Amino acid sequence: MRRFHIPELFKDIEQEIIADEHAEWFFPYAPGYPTFENCRLKFLNGNLDYRGFQNMINHAYREPGYFNPAFKKVKEFAEYIRPMTDCLGPLGRSTVWNIPPGEIIKPHTDAFVYHRYITRWIYIIKQDTEHTRLTIAGNRLTTVPGDMFELHPAEQVHSFFNDSTVPWYFLGIDFWNINTLDSVPSAPNNDSLLYLTDH
């Protein structure tokens, strides 16, 4: 697992998150699947319907697309980390997460076909370091704001636990793995780009 420390950027991104706090957060909870219960997130480049792999291929080949204008620093961050991570593929789903005090993202892997073709980067924005736990592939990681971790979400079990009194903010930035994307038998087509909700 690769990790980096990028202390020069998280403060500006935290300010964007705080400034946009009033805007709607999405609650990714489904009956019978409580992995993310009570946690919240925002879809920065739209709530892409990644249940349909063809739809995600269409999005990948039409990048750049929509990106929430309230998060210009996050968009800059995504481009900033490309050289250090060697992520040459199109930008995938981009999210900001808010784990409230006492809440957890339970141990899981991400199961859609899309997740087999991307690398996700977790960038820590705000946390109480003594009372938050990030675990990837059985490794409990010590984290501070500015830390960034590589995650292969279809293969590596991962979880987040916020046992503090303050929200835990972090980014999840997906990049398509360029080699696997080139091998996808499904070519882009002219179908409409599908979103699960409005931007």
Protein backbone atom coordinates (compact mmCIF):
# COMPACT_ATOMS: atom_id res chain seq x y z
CA MET A 1 0.00 0.00 0.00
CA ARG A 2 1.35 3.39 -0.96
CA ARG A 3 0.91 6.40 1.30
CA PHE A 4 1.88 10.06 1.05
CA HIS A 5 1.76 13.07 3.31
CA ILE A 6 0.53 16.24 1.59
CA PRO A 7 0.20 18.87 4.33
CA GLU A 8 -0.02 21.89 2.07
CA LEU A 9 -3.52 21.25 0.72
CA PHE A 10 -5.90 19.90 3.34
CA LYS A 11 -6.61 23.26 5.04
CA ASP A 12 -7.95 24.86 1.86
CA ILE A 13 -10.11 21.81 1.17
CA GLU A 14 -11.40 21.84 4.74
CA GLN A 15 -12.51 25.44 4.23
CA GLU A 16 -14.44 24.40 1.11
CA ILE A 17 -16.17 21.62 3.03
CA ILE A 18 -17.11 23.96 5.88
CA ALA A 19 -18.35 26.63 3.47
CA ASP A 20 -20.56 24.04 1.74
CA GLU A 21 -21.73 22.35 4.95
CA HIS A 22 -25.25 23.78 4.53
CA ALA A 23 -25.71 22.06 1.15
CA GLU A 24 -27.34 18.65 1.02
CA TRP A 25 -25.41 15.58 2.16
CA PHE A 26 -26.32 12.16 0.80
CA PHE A 27 -27.01 9.30 3.24
CA PRO A 28 -25.79 6.08 1.54
CA TYR A 29 -28.03 3.71 3.47
CA ALA A 30 -30.07 0.90 2.01
CA PRO A 31 -32.36 -1.41 4.03
CA GLY A 32 -30.53 -4.60 4.86
CA TYR A 33 -27.16 -3.10 3.96
CA PRO A 34 -26.14 -0.92 6.91
CA THR A 35 -22.42 -0.58 6.06
CA PHE A 36 -22.61 3.21 5.80
CA GLU A 37 -25.52 3.85 8.17
CA ASN A 38 -25.52 7.42 9.60
CA CYS A 39 -22.49 8.46 7.54
CA ARG A 40 -22.78 11.15 4.89
CA LEU A 41 -21.09 12.09 1.62
CA LYS A 42 -21.18 14.46 -1.31
CA PHE A 43 -20.62 13.44 -4.92
CA LEU A 44 -18.29 16.06 -6.29
CA ASN A 45 -18.55 15.07 -9.95
CA GLY A 46 -22.14 13.93 -9.78
CA ASN A 47 -23.76 10.85 -8.28
CA LEU A 48 -22.63 8.63 -11.13
CA ASP A 49 -24.75 5.51 -11.57
CA TYR A 50 -21.93 3.02 -11.19
CA ARG A 51 -24.33 0.05 -11.00
CA GLY A 52 -24.20 0.06 -14.80
CA PHE A 53 -20.65 -0.53 -16.02
CA GLN A 54 -21.40 0.74 -19.53
CA ASN A 55 -22.54 4.03 -18.04
CA MET A 56 -19.26 4.39 -16.16
CA ILE A 57 -17.29 3.67 -19.33
CA ASN A 58 -19.23 6.44 -21.06
CA HIS A 59 -18.39 8.84 -18.22
CA ALA A 60 -14.70 7.88 -18.34
CA TYR A 61 -14.36 8.65 -22.03
CA ARG A 62 -16.23 11.96 -21.75
CA GLU A 63 -14.04 13.43 -19.03
CA PRO A 64 -13.78 16.25 -18.13
CA GLY A 65 -17.40 16.53 -17.12
CA TYR A 66 -19.36 18.13 -14.33
CA PHE A 67 -17.51 18.98 -11.10
CA ASN A 68 -19.16 20.79 -8.19
CA PRO A 69 -17.98 24.43 -8.50
CA ALA A 70 -17.95 24.78 -4.70
CA PHE A 71 -14.98 22.39 -4.59
CA LYS A 72 -12.40 23.94 -6.91
CA LYS A 73 -9.56 23.05 -4.54
CA VAL A 74 -10.58 19.38 -4.59
CA LYS A 75 -10.54 19.38 -8.39
CA GLU A 76 -7.08 20.95 -8.31
CA PHE A 77 -6.01 18.34 -5.75
CA ALA A 78 -7.09 15.50 -8.04
CA GLU A 79 -4.82 16.82 -10.77
CA TYR A 80 -2.02 17.63 -8.31
CA ILE A 81 -1.70 14.01 -7.16
CA ARG A 82 -1.56 12.46 -10.64
CA PRO A 83 2.25 12.70 -11.07
CA MET A 84 3.09 11.29 -7.63
CA THR A 85 0.60 8.43 -7.91
CA ASP A 86 1.12 7.62 -11.61
CA CYS A 87 -2.63 7.72 -12.08
CA LEU A 88 -2.92 8.35 -15.81
CA GLY A 89 -6.50 7.23 -16.36
CA PRO A 90 -9.64 9.37 -16.34
CA LEU A 91 -11.06 10.65 -13.09
CA GLY A 92 -13.70 8.35 -11.64
CA ARG A 93 -16.12 8.96 -8.80
CA SER A 94 -14.98 11.74 -6.46
CA THR A 95 -16.50 12.13 -3.01
CA VAL A 96 -16.12 13.93 0.29
CA TRP A 97 -17.12 11.90 3.35
CA ASN A 98 -18.37 13.04 6.73
CA ILE A 99 -18.34 10.43 9.49
CA PRO A 100 -20.12 11.99 12.48
CA PRO A 101 -18.90 11.40 16.05
CA GLY A 102 -19.43 7.83 17.19
CA GLU A 103 -20.20 6.49 13.71
CA ILE A 104 -18.52 3.87 11.54
CA ILE A 105 -18.16 2.70 7.97
CA LYS A 106 -18.19 -1.03 8.61
CA PRO A 107 -15.59 -3.42 7.16
CA HIS A 108 -16.45 -4.13 3.52
CA THR A 109 -15.25 -4.35 -0.03
CA ASP A 110 -16.95 -2.50 -2.91
CA ALA A 111 -18.69 -4.99 -5.14
CA PHE A 112 -19.62 -3.37 -8.48
CA VAL A 113 -17.67 -4.14 -11.65
CA TYR A 114 -16.51 -0.51 -11.76
CA HIS A 115 -14.54 -0.99 -8.55
CA ARG A 116 -12.30 -3.62 -10.18
CA TYR A 117 -11.02 -1.05 -12.65
CA ILE A 118 -10.10 1.87 -10.39
CA THR A 119 -7.64 2.91 -7.70
CA ARG A 120 -9.03 5.05 -4.90
CA TRP A 121 -7.04 7.60 -2.92
CA ILE A 122 -8.18 8.43 0.60
CA TYR A 123 -7.07 11.92 1.68
CA ILE A 124 -7.53 12.84 5.34
CA ILE A 125 -8.88 16.37 5.84
CA LYS A 126 -10.03 16.70 9.45
CA GLN A 127 -10.05 14.27 12.36
CA ASP A 128 -9.27 13.73 16.00
CA THR A 129 -6.18 11.61 15.41
CA GLU A 130 -6.32 9.89 18.80
CA HIS A 131 -9.89 8.67 18.33
CA THR A 132 -10.25 7.70 14.65
CA ARG A 133 -9.37 4.37 13.08
CA LEU A 134 -8.76 3.61 9.42
CA THR A 135 -8.18 -0.04 8.58
CA ILE A 136 -7.20 -1.31 5.12
CA ALA A 137 -6.60 -5.00 4.38
CA GLY A 138 -6.30 -5.78 8.07
CA ASN A 139 -3.78 -2.99 8.72
CA ARG A 140 -4.81 -0.38 11.24
CA LEU A 141 -3.26 2.87 10.05
CA THR A 142 -2.16 5.85 12.11
CA THR A 143 -3.37 8.95 10.28
CA VAL A 144 -3.14 12.72 10.54
CA PRO A 145 -4.67 15.42 8.34
CA GLY A 146 -2.76 15.58 5.07
CA ASP A 147 -2.16 11.82 4.88
CA MET A 148 -3.20 10.04 1.69
CA PHE A 149 -3.59 6.27 1.25
CA GLU A 150 -3.95 4.00 -1.75
CA LEU A 151 -6.98 1.72 -1.72
CA HIS A 152 -8.14 -1.00 -4.10
CA PRO A 153 -11.75 -1.10 -2.92
CA ALA A 154 -12.83 -4.27 -4.72
CA GLU A 155 -10.02 -6.30 -3.18
CA GLN A 156 -9.11 -4.75 0.17
CA VAL A 157 -11.49 -4.83 3.13
CA HIS A 158 -11.62 -1.32 4.57
CA SER A 159 -13.36 0.44 7.45
CA PHE A 160 -13.48 3.80 9.23
CA PHE A 161 -14.43 4.40 12.87
CA ASN A 162 -14.82 7.84 14.42
CA ASP A 163 -14.76 7.49 18.19
CA SER A 164 -14.24 11.22 18.72
CA THR A 165 -16.46 14.23 19.39
CA VAL A 166 -15.82 15.96 16.03
CA PRO A 167 -16.72 15.05 12.42
CA TRP A 168 -14.17 13.10 10.39
CA TYR A 169 -13.77 14.51 6.86
CA PHE A 170 -11.86 12.78 4.09
CA LEU A 171 -11.85 12.57 0.31
CA GLY A 172 -12.26 9.49 -1.86
CA ILE A 173 -10.78 10.18 -5.31
CA ASP A 174 -11.03 7.41 -7.92
CA PHE A 175 -8.85 7.11 -11.01
CA TRP A 176 -9.39 4.55 -13.74
CA ASN A 177 -6.45 2.17 -14.08
CA ILE A 178 -5.38 3.01 -17.61
CA ASN A 179 -4.12 -0.47 -18.50
CA THR A 180 -7.30 -2.22 -17.43
CA LEU A 181 -9.49 0.46 -18.98
CA ASP A 182 -7.76 -0.11 -22.33
CA SER A 183 -8.59 -3.81 -22.05
CA VAL A 184 -12.30 -3.32 -21.36
CA PRO A 185 -14.29 -5.07 -24.10
CA SER A 186 -17.14 -2.58 -23.72
CA ALA A 187 -16.46 0.51 -25.85
CA PRO A 188 -18.01 3.90 -25.08
CA ASN A 189 -21.27 4.66 -26.85
CA ASN A 190 -23.65 7.56 -27.25
CA ASP A 191 -26.05 6.58 -24.49
CA SER A 192 -27.09 9.29 -22.06
CA LEU A 193 -24.91 9.69 -19.00
CA LEU A 194 -26.84 8.40 -16.01
CA TYR A 195 -26.84 9.77 -12.46
CA LEU A 196 -28.53 8.26 -9.42
CA THR A 197 -29.62 11.73 -8.27
CA ASP A 198 -29.29 15.26 -9.51
CA HIS A 199 -25.79 16.71 -9.32
